[in-house]
Amino acid sequence: MSIGLFGGTFDPVHNGHLKIASEMLRLLNLSELRFIPCALPSHRNLPLVSACDRAAMLDLAIETEPRFVCDRREIDRIGPSFTIDTLVEIRKELGPSCPLIFLMGSDAVHSIDAWKQWKLLLNYTHLFIVNRPGVPMRFPSHIWEWVKMYQVSNLSFLDSTSNGHIFITPANALEVSATEVRNMLGRRLLHVNRLLPSSVFDFVKQNDLYLEQWNNENRKSSFVKKSVLANEN
């Protein structure tokens, strides 16, 4: 049976993450799907809350699905989180024959050439690419050439081999912006609970997450606006 891998900051985990993870379970008949929260992303801003809190929210979000697992290896690792390092570790643990399928959004594929040893990813896993609404599925030419070289049109290839293929699914990720969720949480807007599992929403409220970060960002924004106005005058 195949194992799915879903990396990200999960800052916080929201219903969009869970929807596409559930779709992955259904389409690929996975024995397990591992959510791998990133500790120190190398190509994006640092998460607003601690790795421990993000992992705790993941545990709450996935507790009702036994095939969902929170894999903390990147949190426990010292230094930046590189996907290739994680894949090497998992492949050593599971052996050469277990099919691994790594989930990627189409937005991440656009800049995959900035990832550490990106062309070696397929030595350890398959890639399952999901369309992100508003992001065209048209990659830079050198990335398209690489994708087309390994692309397959039948999902059975991902289950019958351990690694080396790319499948682009027509399924769309739920149009939920983590940035928008964080802003809504910072402003304590109640209707944000439609975008989060109730257990995650309760955890955020109980631990006062995102409120201070949103206030800090708001103060910075106000300071910049005042500075601009002062210069204009």
Foldseek 3Di string as FASTA:
>chain_A
DAEEEEEDQCLPPWVLVVVVVVVCCVVQVHQAYEYEHAQAADPDDHRQDHSVLRLVLVCVQCVVPVRYHYDDVNVVDPDGDAPVVVLVVVCVVPDQFHAYEYEDELVCLQVLVPGDVSLCPQVRHEYEYAYEPPDDSPHPPVSVVSQVVAEDDDSVVRGRGRGRHYYYDPHHRPHDDSVVLLLCVLVVPPVSCVTHPPVSSVSCVVVVPSVVVNVVVVVVVVVVVVVVVVVVD
